Structure formats: C-alpha cells, structure tokens
Amino acid sequence: MSNPKSVVVFDYGFGNVRSAERALERAGAEVEITRDYDKAMSADGLLVPGVGAFASCMQGLVQARGHWVIGRRLAGGRPVLGICVGMQILFSRGIEHGQEAEGMDEWPGTVGPLKNDAAHPVPHMGWNTVEAPAGSQLFAGLPAEERYYFVHSYAVHDWELESANPALTPPLVSWTTHADRFVSAVENGPLWATQFHPEKSGDAGAQLLRNWIETL
C-alpha cells in the first residue's frame, strides 16, 4: 500500500482550516495546518483556503509570505489548490464596495460582485450545480447534476486567459449560474481552484478532494 500524500493547509488567518483539515484526512491525505515555509514547500500538495474580503485575504497572505510560497511551488510544478477567496486572490484584482485590490495575478481577470435580484439573492449561499468541461480530472466520476456548497458575494464572470502557444494544454474552466454565469473551478497545470467549498459539499466534495489528492 502506497504512503498517503502529504498536504499542508496554509494557515494565514483567513480560512476554515479545521474543516479543510478534516475533509482532506477523510479523503486519505496526511494533513498539517501551518504557515511554515519549509513544510509548505515540501508537502505533496498545498491547500489555500480563504474566507472574507478579497483585500484582507490578500494582505494576510502577503504578511504570511504565502504569495511567495505559492509562486515558488508553481514555478516548480508543485500542486496548489485554492478554495473560495483562496481561489479569487489568484486572479489579477478584486473590486469590493468600489475599492480595487491587487491579487496574485496567476490568472488575468477581475473578481466582482454577483448580480443581486429577488430570484437570486446575494450572498449566493447554498447548493448549486457546476458545468464541468470534458476531460476534467477534478470532477472525474461525479455526475453532471451533482451539487456543491457555495457561500460568496463575489466571483469572476469572464475567463480572460488566452494561450498563444498551441503546444500548451489550455486550462479547464468550470462554470456555475446564479443570475449570471461565473467561474466556479479552474484546472491549470499544477494550479487548481474552486469557488465552492468541497470541504462542506458532503460525499461529492470528498470525491473531488480525492481526485485532487490522486494527482499529487
């Protein structure tokens, strides 16, 4: 029997680290919650959670040197998974309450407010489906009608990354609709992310985390 994969949940003060830890352990990983540089770099996988405002999460990540850890891991092809605001801060910028903040710029794009109307109140809180592309490893084995748990008021509405090099595998982008369509997951080489919370998405979320762990 192979050894379990090691995953560090990066603890920078903005995320449900305990629920992420429990979900990853149930999915078969060996998990540690830490911001220690060496441990975050040496783990098979790094999970970046995120709860709260874009600007605050980005500030906390920088103060904990998380932006540097993520960048160094990706430069070496080392897997990283971002969840919720941990996904949003991977984009170029976020706009909340008219204020703009810089993100990590791993992907071009802007995190902006969800459309708010009587039929689709904000925050978008509860269960919703995901339109996953063909060939997705993240959603492998999961039915198209499966539902995942969301809680957010902001999202990326336009996927802006275009590859001019046909030799590069294009990112796989998943979408969800809540009044408007928004990006709900990305698979891009070693960098994957979800807008929803797999750690709160029951059996489907557990399968999704297992799918990620199996790629480590």
Foldseek 3Di string as FASTA:
>chain_A
DDDAFEEEEEPLPFFPSVLVQVLLVVLGHHYDYYLDLVSLQPGQEYEYEGDDDLQVSQVSCVVSVVLVSVVVCVVVLRAYEYEASRVVLCEQWEADPNDIDGGSHVFYFYKYFDDDDPQFHPPNFAKFFKAWDPPDLLQPPPDRRQIFTATDGIFTQDRDDDDPDPVADDKTWMWTDRPGIGTAWIDHRRYIYGNTDLSPGPPSSSVSSSSNSVVD
